[in-house]
């Protein structure tokens, strides 16, 4: 709209400003997908799942200890990081605007908090109980020409943390949602 108005007014400054804002928005989107693309190569080359984290299964005395050892002390003052506690679970979510969210799930075990899940790039994460098992479902939304992704995590690691077990590519069609299984090591492709 601003671009059309600037063209009609033939105002060079307005035109440059409107074009610059559109370009910046496109560059931000392209940068995010370039990051995803490069991250998928980095994880594939190392043979490490992007959902593994060396501290999974470890317990901490407080959320501050968790921040210090896992995320870094900078997280204590970061306004993009939120902490929610509900029914013995603590969700720590990094909502930095230039990326999709990073989710950390901790559970209360006595006086400690134990690190149970690490989920990258998901816009939403939720619990399910499936046949008596705790399951996490995480969704990476569809964007531009990239399909949405669904990741299923199940309690593994000797019951100490969640591991990714199923991955799906999702798209909308005239028939509704189409969900196709994909290899989890290709989830960021």
C-alpha atoms as a PDB file:
ATOM      1  CA  UNK A   1       0.000   0.000   0.000  1.00  0.00           C
ATOM      2  CA  UNK A   2       2.788   2.420   0.924  1.00  0.00           C
ATOM      3  CA  UNK A   3       4.625   1.515  -2.283  1.00  0.00           C
ATOM      4  CA  UNK A   4       1.557   2.278  -4.422  1.00  0.00           C
ATOM      5  CA  UNK A   5       0.956   5.579  -2.625  1.00  0.00           C
ATOM      6  CA  UNK A   6       4.581   6.593  -3.096  1.00  0.00           C
ATOM      7  CA  UNK A   7       4.395   5.764  -6.830  1.00  0.00           C
ATOM      8  CA  UNK A   8       1.237   7.846  -7.201  1.00  0.00           C
ATOM      9  CA  UNK A   9       2.792  10.801  -5.404  1.00  0.00           C
ATOM     10  CA  UNK A  10       6.030  10.298  -7.327  1.00  0.00           C
ATOM     11  CA  UNK A  11       7.862  11.095  -4.116  1.00  0.00           C
ATOM     12  CA  UNK A  12      11.317   9.620  -4.373  1.00  0.00           C
ATOM     13  CA  UNK A  13      11.977   9.551  -0.581  1.00  0.00           C
ATOM     14  CA  UNK A  14       8.681   7.750   0.178  1.00  0.00           C
ATOM     15  CA  UNK A  15       9.337   5.319  -2.656  1.00  0.00           C
ATOM     16  CA  UNK A  16      12.834   4.502  -1.406  1.00  0.00           C
ATOM     17  CA  UNK A  17      11.555   4.089   2.175  1.00  0.00           C
ATOM     18  CA  UNK A  18       8.693   1.746   1.144  1.00  0.00           C
ATOM     19  CA  UNK A  19      10.979  -0.334  -1.092  1.00  0.00           C
ATOM     20  CA  UNK A  20      13.592  -0.490   1.665  1.00  0.00           C
ATOM     21  CA  UNK A  21      11.078  -1.796   4.212  1.00  0.00           C
ATOM     22  CA  UNK A  22       9.876  -4.510   1.817  1.00  0.00           C
ATOM     23  CA  UNK A  23      13.453  -5.489   1.025  1.00  0.00           C
ATOM     24  CA  UNK A  24      14.357  -5.693   4.724  1.00  0.00           C
ATOM     25  CA  UNK A  25      11.323  -7.903   5.421  1.00  0.00           C
ATOM     26  CA  UNK A  26      12.277 -10.240   2.541  1.00  0.00           C
ATOM     27  CA  UNK A  27      15.908 -10.355   3.632  1.00  0.00           C
ATOM     28  CA  UNK A  28      14.901 -11.288   7.201  1.00  0.00           C
ATOM     29  CA  UNK A  29      12.786 -14.166   5.881  1.00  0.00           C
ATOM     30  CA  UNK A  30      15.553 -15.319   3.559  1.00  0.00           C
ATOM     31  CA  UNK A  31      18.141 -15.102   6.350  1.00  0.00           C
ATOM     32  CA  UNK A  32      16.018 -17.310   8.613  1.00  0.00           C
ATOM     33  CA  UNK A  33      15.643 -20.011   5.952  1.00  0.00           C
ATOM     34  CA  UNK A  34      19.346 -19.777   5.106  1.00  0.00           C
ATOM     35  CA  UNK A  35      20.061 -20.343   8.807  1.00  0.00           C
ATOM     36  CA  UNK A  36      17.780 -23.428   8.816  1.00  0.00           C
ATOM     37  CA  UNK A  37      19.462 -24.727   5.667  1.00  0.00           C
ATOM     38  CA  UNK A  38      22.986 -24.266   7.043  1.00  0.00           C
ATOM     39  CA  UNK A  39      22.001 -25.650  10.447  1.00  0.00           C
ATOM     40  CA  UNK A  40      20.703 -28.820   8.816  1.00  0.00           C
ATOM     41  CA  UNK A  41      24.107 -29.352   7.132  1.00  0.00           C
ATOM     42  CA  UNK A  42      25.989 -28.693  10.358  1.00  0.00           C
ATOM     43  CA  UNK A  43      23.911 -31.246  12.252  1.00  0.00           C
ATOM     44  CA  UNK A  44      24.086 -33.798   9.412  1.00  0.00           C
ATOM     45  CA  UNK A  45      27.865 -33.522   9.080  1.00  0.00           C
ATOM     46  CA  UNK A  46      28.410 -34.049  12.801  1.00  0.00           C
ATOM     47  CA  UNK A  47      25.967 -36.962  12.934  1.00  0.00           C
ATOM     48  CA  UNK A  48      24.279 -35.243  15.881  1.00  0.00           C
ATOM     49  CA  UNK A  49      20.550 -34.701  16.083  1.00  0.00           C
ATOM     50  CA  UNK A  50      19.613 -31.038  16.362  1.00  0.00           C
ATOM     51  CA  UNK A  51      17.373 -32.129  19.249  1.00  0.00           C
ATOM     52  CA  UNK A  52      20.102 -33.654  21.356  1.00  0.00           C
ATOM     53  CA  UNK A  53      21.661 -31.517  24.030  1.00  0.00           C
ATOM     54  CA  UNK A  54      24.541 -32.686  26.208  1.00  0.00           C
ATOM     55  CA  UNK A  55      22.751 -31.643  29.409  1.00  0.00           C
ATOM     56  CA  UNK A  56      19.513 -33.592  28.797  1.00  0.00           C
ATOM     57  CA  UNK A  57      18.678 -35.740  31.822  1.00  0.00           C
ATOM     58  CA  UNK A  58      20.727 -33.622  34.237  1.00  0.00           C
ATOM     59  CA  UNK A  59      19.156 -31.935  37.254  1.00  0.00           C
ATOM     60  CA  UNK A  60      19.682 -28.419  38.585  1.00  0.00           C
ATOM     61  CA  UNK A  61      18.944 -26.722  41.924  1.00  0.00           C
ATOM     62  CA  UNK A  62      17.024 -23.821  40.328  1.00  0.00           C
ATOM     63  CA  UNK A  63      16.109 -22.206  37.033  1.00  0.00           C
ATOM     64  CA  UNK A  64      19.010 -19.794  37.593  1.00  0.00           C
ATOM     65  CA  UNK A  65      21.423 -22.758  37.771  1.00  0.00           C
ATOM     66  CA  UNK A  66      19.872 -24.160  34.586  1.00  0.00           C
ATOM     67  CA  UNK A  67      20.325 -20.800  32.832  1.00  0.00           C
ATOM     68  CA  UNK A  68      23.939 -20.553  33.959  1.00  0.00           C
ATOM     69  CA  UNK A  69      24.962 -24.069  32.854  1.00  0.00           C
ATOM     70  CA  UNK A  70      22.807 -24.615  29.768  1.00  0.00           C
ATOM     71  CA  UNK A  71      21.658 -21.354  28.181  1.00  0.00           C
ATOM     72  CA  UNK A  72      24.160 -18.912  29.640  1.00  0.00           C
ATOM     73  CA  UNK A  73      23.914 -16.184  32.260  1.00  0.00           C
ATOM     74  CA  UNK A  74      22.801 -13.650  29.627  1.00  0.00           C
ATOM     75  CA  UNK A  75      19.422 -15.425  29.654  1.00  0.00           C
ATOM     76  CA  UNK A  76      18.690 -14.213  33.179  1.00  0.00           C
ATOM     77  CA  UNK A  77      18.176 -10.666  31.870  1.00  0.00           C
ATOM     78  CA  UNK A  78      16.870 -11.485  28.383  1.00  0.00           C
ATOM     79  CA  UNK A  79      13.321 -10.173  27.911  1.00  0.00           C
ATOM     80  CA  UNK A  80      12.780 -12.694  25.074  1.00  0.00           C
ATOM     81  CA  UNK A  81      13.051 -15.637  27.465  1.00  0.00           C
ATOM     82  CA  UNK A  82       9.975 -16.601  29.436  1.00  0.00           C
ATOM     83  CA  UNK A  83       9.577 -19.089  32.274  1.00  0.00           C
ATOM     84  CA  UNK A  84       6.243 -20.765  33.040  1.00  0.00           C
ATOM     85  CA  UNK A  85       5.647 -23.363  35.721  1.00  0.00           C
ATOM     86  CA  UNK A  86       2.571 -25.566  35.815  1.00  0.00           C
ATOM     87  CA  UNK A  87       1.842 -28.842  37.596  1.00  0.00           C
ATOM     88  CA  UNK A  88       5.482 -29.704  38.299  1.00  0.00           C
ATOM     89  CA  UNK A  89       6.721 -28.769  34.814  1.00  0.00           C
ATOM     90  CA  UNK A  90       8.786 -25.712  33.920  1.00  0.00           C
ATOM     91  CA  UNK A  91       8.776 -24.448  30.339  1.00  0.00           C
ATOM     92  CA  UNK A  92      11.560 -22.049  29.385  1.00  0.00           C
ATOM     93  CA  UNK A  93      10.972 -20.538  25.958  1.00  0.00           C
ATOM     94  CA  UNK A  94      13.346 -18.314  23.996  1.00  0.00           C
ATOM     95  CA  UNK A  95      11.071 -16.126  21.863  1.00  0.00           C
ATOM     96  CA  UNK A  96      13.733 -14.075  20.087  1.00  0.00           C
ATOM     97  CA  UNK A  97      11.961 -12.319  17.204  1.00  0.00           C
ATOM     98  CA  UNK A  98      14.465 -13.186  14.470  1.00  0.00           C
ATOM     99  CA  UNK A  99      14.120 -16.954  14.990  1.00  0.00           C
ATOM    100  CA  UNK A 100      11.459 -19.514  15.744  1.00  0.00           C
ATOM    101  CA  UNK A 101      11.234 -20.449  19.383  1.00  0.00           C
ATOM    102  CA  UNK A 102      13.593 -22.712  21.300  1.00  0.00           C
ATOM    103  CA  UNK A 103      11.875 -24.722  24.057  1.00  0.00           C
ATOM    104  CA  UNK A 104      13.402 -26.228  27.190  1.00  0.00           C
ATOM    105  CA  UNK A 105      11.298 -28.484  29.428  1.00  0.00           C
ATOM    106  CA  UNK A 106      12.249 -29.198  33.028  1.00  0.00           C
ATOM    107  CA  UNK A 107      10.377 -31.285  35.599  1.00  0.00           C
ATOM    108  CA  UNK A 108      10.380 -31.072  39.381  1.00  0.00           C
ATOM    109  CA  UNK A 109      12.144 -33.950  41.074  1.00  0.00           C
ATOM    110  CA  UNK A 110      12.198 -33.269  44.813  1.00  0.00           C
ATOM    111  CA  UNK A 111      13.965 -29.928  45.200  1.00  0.00           C
ATOM    112  CA  UNK A 112      15.645 -30.174  41.797  1.00  0.00           C
ATOM    113  CA  UNK A 113      14.638 -29.330  38.243  1.00  0.00           C
ATOM    114  CA  UNK A 114      15.564 -31.981  35.669  1.00  0.00           C
ATOM    115  CA  UNK A 115      16.118 -31.083  32.000  1.00  0.00           C
ATOM    116  CA  UNK A 116      13.822 -33.354  29.948  1.00  0.00           C
ATOM    117  CA  UNK A 117      13.327 -31.821  26.476  1.00  0.00           C
ATOM    118  CA  UNK A 118      15.108 -29.546  24.030  1.00  0.00           C
ATOM    119  CA  UNK A 119      13.083 -28.495  20.980  1.00  0.00           C
ATOM    120  CA  UNK A 120      14.266 -26.131  18.232  1.00  0.00           C
ATOM    121  CA  UNK A 121      12.308 -23.937  15.797  1.00  0.00           C
ATOM    122  CA  UNK A 122       8.809 -24.950  16.991  1.00  0.00           C
ATOM    123  CA  UNK A 123       6.008 -22.398  17.101  1.00  0.00           C
ATOM    124  CA  UNK A 124       4.007 -24.573  19.488  1.00  0.00           C
ATOM    125  CA  UNK A 125       4.630 -27.574  21.725  1.00  0.00           C
ATOM    126  CA  UNK A 126       2.096 -29.596  23.664  1.00  0.00           C
ATOM    127  CA  UNK A 127       1.754 -32.689  25.847  1.00  0.00           C
ATOM    128  CA  UNK A 128      -0.234 -35.803  25.026  1.00  0.00           C
ATOM    129  CA  UNK A 129      -0.738 -39.085  26.814  1.00  0.00           C
ATOM    130  CA  UNK A 130      -0.600 -41.940  24.337  1.00  0.00           C
ATOM    131  CA  UNK A 131      -1.190 -45.425  25.697  1.00  0.00           C
ATOM    132  CA  UNK A 132       0.096 -44.349  29.104  1.00  0.00           C
ATOM    133  CA  UNK A 133       3.245 -42.717  27.657  1.00  0.00           C
ATOM    134  CA  UNK A 134       4.100 -39.041  27.871  1.00  0.00           C
ATOM    135  CA  UNK A 135       4.456 -37.608  24.383  1.00  0.00           C
ATOM    136  CA  UNK A 136       5.376 -34.128  23.144  1.00  0.00           C
ATOM    137  CA  UNK A 137       4.111 -32.822  19.802  1.00  0.00           C
ATOM    138  CA  UNK A 138       5.982 -29.875  18.299  1.00  0.00           C
ATOM    139  CA  UNK A 139       5.012 -27.954  15.169  1.00  0.00           C
ATOM    140  CA  UNK A 140       7.172 -25.892  12.838  1.00  0.00           C
ATOM    141  CA  UNK A 141       4.624 -23.856  10.833  1.00  0.00           C
ATOM    142  CA  UNK A 142       4.424 -23.825   7.061  1.00  0.00           C
ATOM    143  CA  UNK A 143       6.201 -20.795   5.571  1.00  0.00           C
ATOM    144  CA  UNK A 144       6.685 -19.541   2.006  1.00  0.00           C
ATOM    145  CA  UNK A 145       7.445 -22.610  -0.119  1.00  0.00           C
ATOM    146  CA  UNK A 146       8.458 -24.744   2.864  1.00  0.00           C
ATOM    147  CA  UNK A 147       6.015 -27.294   4.284  1.00  0.00           C
ATOM    148  CA  UNK A 148       5.110 -27.355   7.962  1.00  0.00           C
ATOM    149  CA  UNK A 149       6.727 -30.013  10.127  1.00  0.00           C
ATOM    150  CA  UNK A 150       5.395 -32.123  12.971  1.00  0.00           C
ATOM    151  CA  UNK A 151       7.813 -33.690  15.446  1.00  0.00           C
ATOM    152  CA  UNK A 152       6.830 -36.333  17.988  1.00  0.00           C
ATOM    153  CA  UNK A 153       8.993 -36.794  21.097  1.00  0.00           C
ATOM    154  CA  UNK A 154       8.627 -39.685  23.540  1.00  0.00           C
ATOM    155  CA  UNK A 155      10.189 -40.266  26.932  1.00  0.00           C
ATOM    156  CA  UNK A 156      13.430 -42.161  26.309  1.00  0.00           C
ATOM    157  CA  UNK A 157      16.909 -42.096  27.826  1.00  0.00           C
ATOM    158  CA  UNK A 158      15.935 -44.481  30.600  1.00  0.00           C
ATOM    159  CA  UNK A 159      12.936 -42.299  31.471  1.00  0.00           C
ATOM    160  CA  UNK A 160      15.129 -39.234  32.032  1.00  0.00           C
ATOM    161  CA  UNK A 161      14.419 -37.194  28.883  1.00  0.00           C
ATOM    162  CA  UNK A 162      12.380 -36.955  25.678  1.00  0.00           C
ATOM    163  CA  UNK A 163      13.801 -38.173  22.356  1.00  0.00           C
ATOM    164  CA  UNK A 164      12.494 -37.441  18.877  1.00  0.00           C
ATOM    165  CA  UNK A 165      10.832 -40.567  17.442  1.00  0.00           C
ATOM    166  CA  UNK A 166       8.626 -39.541  14.475  1.00  0.00           C
ATOM    167  CA  UNK A 167       8.718 -36.658  12.023  1.00  0.00           C
ATOM    168  CA  UNK A 168       6.240 -35.544   9.388  1.00  0.00           C
ATOM    169  CA  UNK A 169       6.038 -33.003   6.614  1.00  0.00           C
ATOM    170  CA  UNK A 170       2.647 -31.261   6.566  1.00  0.00           C
ATOM    171  CA  UNK A 171       0.876 -29.273   3.882  1.00  0.00           C
ATOM    172  CA  UNK A 172      -2.614 -27.928   3.377  1.00  0.00           C
ATOM    173  CA  UNK A 173      -4.600 -28.968   0.334  1.00  0.00           C
ATOM    174  CA  UNK A 174      -8.200 -28.891  -0.793  1.00  0.00           C
ATOM    175  CA  UNK A 175      -8.573 -32.256   0.994  1.00  0.00           C
ATOM    176  CA  UNK A 176      -7.313 -30.821   4.300  1.00  0.00           C
ATOM    177  CA  UNK A 177      -3.972 -31.470   5.998  1.00  0.00           C
ATOM    178  CA  UNK A 178      -1.653 -33.913   4.280  1.00  0.00           C
ATOM    179  CA  UNK A 179       0.899 -35.496   6.623  1.00  0.00           C
ATOM    180  CA  UNK A 180       3.806 -37.494   5.159  1.00  0.00           C
ATOM    181  CA  UNK A 181       6.452 -39.299   7.225  1.00  0.00           C
ATOM    182  CA  UNK A 182      10.027 -38.051   6.776  1.00  0.00           C
ATOM    183  CA  UNK A 183      13.362 -38.989   8.327  1.00  0.00           C
ATOM    184  CA  UNK A 184      13.934 -36.985  11.507  1.00  0.00           C
ATOM    185  CA  UNK A 185      17.483 -36.119  10.465  1.00  0.00           C
ATOM    186  CA  UNK A 186      15.882 -34.269   7.496  1.00  0.00           C
ATOM    187  CA  UNK A 187      13.458 -32.258   9.630  1.00  0.00           C
ATOM    188  CA  UNK A 188      15.379 -29.018   9.062  1.00  0.00           C
ATOM    189  CA  UNK A 189      15.824 -29.533   5.297  1.00  0.00           C
END
